[in-house]
PDB file of N, CA and C in Angstrom:
ATOM      1  N   MET A   1       1.117  -1.318   0.386  1.00  0.00           N
ATOM      2  CA  MET A   1       0.012  -0.137  -0.008  1.00  0.00           C
ATOM      3  C   MET A   1       0.862   1.224  -0.006  1.00  0.00           C
ATOM      4  N   THR A   2       0.254   2.022  -0.631  1.00  0.00           N
ATOM      5  CA  THR A   2       1.258   3.393  -0.796  1.00  0.00           C
ATOM      6  C   THR A   2       1.134   4.451   0.609  1.00  0.00           C
ATOM      7  N   GLU A   3       2.175   5.071   0.778  1.00  0.00           N
ATOM      8  CA  GLU A   3       2.394   6.199   2.091  1.00  0.00           C
ATOM      9  C   GLU A   3       1.622   7.679   1.260  1.00  0.00           C
ATOM     10  N   ARG A   4       1.431   7.834   0.023  1.00  0.00           N
ATOM     11  CA  ARG A   4       1.231   8.961  -0.416  1.00  0.00           C
ATOM     12  C   ARG A   4      -0.221   9.211  -0.177  1.00  0.00           C
ATOM     13  N   LEU A   5      -0.732   9.666   0.720  1.00  0.00           N
ATOM     14  CA  LEU A   5      -2.412  10.036   1.223  1.00  0.00           C
ATOM     15  C   LEU A   5      -2.800  11.320   1.086  1.00  0.00           C
ATOM     16  N   PRO A   6      -4.176  11.661   1.098  1.00  0.00           N
ATOM     17  CA  PRO A   6      -4.775  12.681   1.226  1.00  0.00           C
ATOM     18  C   PRO A   6      -4.232  13.148   2.496  1.00  0.00           C
ATOM     19  N   ALA A   7      -4.181  14.701   2.807  1.00  0.00           N
ATOM     20  CA  ALA A   7      -3.570  15.091   4.275  1.00  0.00           C
ATOM     21  C   ALA A   7      -4.745  14.954   5.330  1.00  0.00           C
ATOM     22  N   TRP A   8      -5.915  14.367   4.900  1.00  0.00           N
ATOM     23  CA  TRP A   8      -6.960  14.265   6.169  1.00  0.00           C
ATOM     24  C   TRP A   8      -7.216  12.753   6.341  1.00  0.00           C
ATOM     25  N   LEU A   9      -5.965  11.869   5.766  1.00  0.00           N
ATOM     26  CA  LEU A   9      -5.882  10.543   6.169  1.00  0.00           C
ATOM     27  C   LEU A   9      -4.402  10.245   6.578  1.00  0.00           C
ATOM     28  N   SER A  10      -4.092   8.986   7.797  1.00  0.00           N
ATOM     29  CA  SER A  10      -2.942   8.323   7.817  1.00  0.00           C
ATOM     30  C   SER A  10      -2.960   7.168   7.851  1.00  0.00           C
ATOM     31  N   MET A  11      -1.562   6.672   7.350  1.00  0.00           N
ATOM     32  CA  MET A  11      -1.626   5.083   7.399  1.00  0.00           C
ATOM     33  C   MET A  11      -1.825   4.805   8.487  1.00  0.00           C
ATOM     34  N   ASN A  12      -2.184   3.341   8.934  1.00  0.00           N
ATOM     35  CA  ASN A  12      -2.183   2.707  10.367  1.00  0.00           C
ATOM     36  C   ASN A  12      -1.119   2.249  10.122  1.00  0.00           C
ATOM     37  N   PRO A  13      -0.414   1.992  11.260  1.00  0.00           N
ATOM     38  CA  PRO A  13       0.962   1.305  12.024  1.00  0.00           C
ATOM     39  C   PRO A  13       0.938  -0.151  11.105  1.00  0.00           C
ATOM     40  N   ASP A  14       0.216  -0.960  10.683  1.00  0.00           N
ATOM     41  CA  ASP A  14       0.428  -2.133  10.257  1.00  0.00           C
ATOM     42  C   ASP A  14       0.524  -2.217   8.778  1.00  0.00           C
ATOM     43  N   ARG A  15      -0.324  -0.676   8.153  1.00  0.00           N
ATOM     44  CA  ARG A  15      -0.094  -0.823   6.712  1.00  0.00           C
ATOM     45  C   ARG A  15      -1.079  -1.047   5.919  1.00  0.00           C
ATOM     46  N   LEU A  16      -2.268  -1.774   6.674  1.00  0.00           N
ATOM     47  CA  LEU A  16      -3.008  -2.424   6.334  1.00  0.00           C
ATOM     48  C   LEU A  16      -4.791  -1.784   5.882  1.00  0.00           C
ATOM     49  N   GLY A  17      -4.487  -0.464   6.347  1.00  0.00           N
ATOM     50  CA  GLY A  17      -5.404   0.556   6.308  1.00  0.00           C
ATOM     51  C   GLY A  17      -5.469   1.970   6.404  1.00  0.00           C
ATOM     52  N   PHE A  18      -6.321   2.923   6.588  1.00  0.00           N
ATOM     53  CA  PHE A  18      -5.986   4.280   6.938  1.00  0.00           C
ATOM     54  C   PHE A  18      -6.817   4.483   8.281  1.00  0.00           C
ATOM     55  N   SER A  19      -6.591   5.646   8.900  1.00  0.00           N
ATOM     56  CA  SER A  19      -7.108   6.588   9.988  1.00  0.00           C
ATOM     57  C   SER A  19      -7.568   7.842   9.370  1.00  0.00           C
ATOM     58  N   VAL A  20      -8.936   8.290   9.809  1.00  0.00           N
ATOM     59  CA  VAL A  20      -8.976   9.634   9.165  1.00  0.00           C
ATOM     60  C   VAL A  20      -9.014  10.404  10.492  1.00  0.00           C
ATOM     61  N   ILE A  21      -8.076  11.466   9.918  1.00  0.00           N
ATOM     62  CA  ILE A  21      -7.629  12.763  10.810  1.00  0.00           C
ATOM     63  C   ILE A  21      -9.060  13.603  10.892  1.00  0.00           C
ATOM     64  N   GLU A  22     -10.008  13.793  11.945  1.00  0.00           N
ATOM     65  CA  GLU A  22     -11.225  14.055  11.874  1.00  0.00           C
ATOM     66  C   GLU A  22     -11.104  15.810  11.757  1.00  0.00           C
ATOM     67  N   GLU A  23      -9.912  16.348  12.158  1.00  0.00           N
ATOM     68  CA  GLU A  23      -9.620  17.804  12.236  1.00  0.00           C
ATOM     69  C   GLU A  23      -9.607  18.384  10.989  1.00  0.00           C
ATOM     70  N   ARG A  24      -8.795  17.482  10.255  1.00  0.00           N
ATOM     71  CA  ARG A  24      -8.994  17.692   8.652  1.00  0.00           C
ATOM     72  C   ARG A  24      -9.783  17.389   7.866  1.00  0.00           C
ATOM     73  N   ALA A  25     -10.251  15.978   7.987  1.00  0.00           N
ATOM     74  CA  ALA A  25     -11.442  15.821   7.299  1.00  0.00           C
ATOM     75  C   ALA A  25     -12.687  16.452   7.278  1.00  0.00           C
ATOM     76  N   ALA A  26     -12.928  17.364   8.605  1.00  0.00           N
ATOM     77  CA  ALA A  26     -14.273  18.111   8.822  1.00  0.00           C
ATOM     78  C   ALA A  26     -13.714  19.263   7.884  1.00  0.00           C
ATOM     79  N   ILE A  27     -12.778  19.915   7.730  1.00  0.00           N
ATOM     80  CA  ILE A  27     -12.566  20.890   6.509  1.00  0.00           C
ATOM     81  C   ILE A  27     -12.853  20.375   5.429  1.00  0.00           C
ATOM     82  N   VAL A  28     -12.384  19.168   4.887  1.00  0.00           N
ATOM     83  CA  VAL A  28     -12.857  18.709   3.315  1.00  0.00           C
ATOM     84  C   VAL A  28     -14.591  18.755   3.808  1.00  0.00           C
ATOM     85  N   ARG A  29     -14.911  18.171   4.482  1.00  0.00           N
ATOM     86  CA  ARG A  29     -16.544  17.938   4.481  1.00  0.00           C
ATOM     87  C   ARG A  29     -17.098  19.254   4.185  1.00  0.00           C
ATOM     88  N   ARG A  30     -16.459  20.492   4.773  1.00  0.00           N
ATOM     89  CA  ARG A  30     -17.042  21.931   4.897  1.00  0.00           C
ATOM     90  C   ARG A  30     -16.955  22.506   3.407  1.00  0.00           C
ATOM     91  N   MET A  31     -15.935  22.080   2.662  1.00  0.00           N
ATOM     92  CA  MET A  31     -15.507  22.623   1.391  1.00  0.00           C
ATOM     93  C   MET A  31     -16.450  22.044   0.503  1.00  0.00           C
ATOM     94  N   PHE A  32     -16.694  20.806   0.770  1.00  0.00           N
ATOM     95  CA  PHE A  32     -17.717  20.019  -0.506  1.00  0.00           C
ATOM     96  C   PHE A  32     -19.304  20.324  -0.227  1.00  0.00           C
ATOM     97  N   LYS A  33     -19.423  20.803   1.296  1.00  0.00           N
ATOM     98  CA  LYS A  33     -21.031  21.112   1.353  1.00  0.00           C
ATOM     99  C   LYS A  33     -21.100  22.611   1.139  1.00  0.00           C
ATOM    100  N   ASP A  34     -19.995  23.509   1.291  1.00  0.00           N
ATOM    101  CA  ASP A  34     -20.170  24.800   0.856  1.00  0.00           C
ATOM    102  C   ASP A  34     -20.066  24.905  -0.848  1.00  0.00           C
ATOM    103  N   ALA A  35     -19.482  24.107  -1.367  1.00  0.00           N
ATOM    104  CA  ALA A  35     -19.658  23.824  -2.865  1.00  0.00           C
ATOM    105  C   ALA A  35     -20.876  23.243  -3.424  1.00  0.00           C
ATOM    106  N   ASP A  36     -21.538  22.250  -2.573  1.00  0.00           N
ATOM    107  CA  ASP A  36     -22.801  22.214  -2.991  1.00  0.00           C
ATOM    108  C   ASP A  36     -23.796  22.725  -3.016  1.00  0.00           C
ATOM    109  N   ARG A  37     -23.576  23.792  -2.217  1.00  0.00           N
ATOM    110  CA  ARG A  37     -24.610  24.948  -1.860  1.00  0.00           C
ATOM    111  C   ARG A  37     -24.342  26.111  -2.630  1.00  0.00           C
ATOM    112  N   ALA A  38     -22.895  26.114  -3.551  1.00  0.00           N
ATOM    113  CA  ALA A  38     -22.658  26.817  -4.094  1.00  0.00           C
ATOM    114  C   ALA A  38     -22.542  28.383  -3.297  1.00  0.00           C
ATOM    115  N   SER A  39     -22.021  28.504  -2.326  1.00  0.00           N
ATOM    116  CA  SER A  39     -21.431  29.196  -1.487  1.00  0.00           C
ATOM    117  C   SER A  39     -20.240  29.612  -1.138  1.00  0.00           C
ATOM    118  N   GLY A  40     -19.339  28.933  -2.253  1.00  0.00           N
ATOM    119  CA  GLY A  40     -18.060  29.552  -2.156  1.00  0.00           C
ATOM    120  C   GLY A  40     -17.924  30.631  -3.502  1.00  0.00           C
ATOM    121  N   SER A  41     -16.808  31.183  -3.443  1.00  0.00           N
ATOM    122  CA  SER A  41     -16.454  32.338  -3.816  1.00  0.00           C
ATOM    123  C   SER A  41     -16.317  31.916  -5.472  1.00  0.00           C
ATOM    124  N   THR A  42     -16.926  32.565  -6.401  1.00  0.00           N
ATOM    125  CA  THR A  42     -16.883  32.686  -7.698  1.00  0.00           C
ATOM    126  C   THR A  42     -16.882  33.919  -8.402  1.00  0.00           C
ATOM    127  N   PRO A  43     -16.079  33.935  -9.524  1.00  0.00           N
ATOM    128  CA  PRO A  43     -15.916  35.505 -10.466  1.00  0.00           C
ATOM    129  C   PRO A  43     -17.176  36.039 -10.708  1.00  0.00           C
TER     130      PRO A  43
END
């Protein structure tokens, strides 16, 4: 398994799976929620 992961994930010590870094995942969720509501800035 690769160690190159999105910033909101970390590799488990056994290298068999991933753990979610909740503080970072919350930011990603908010970005998608804002984009879905079209509340992001647009030109």
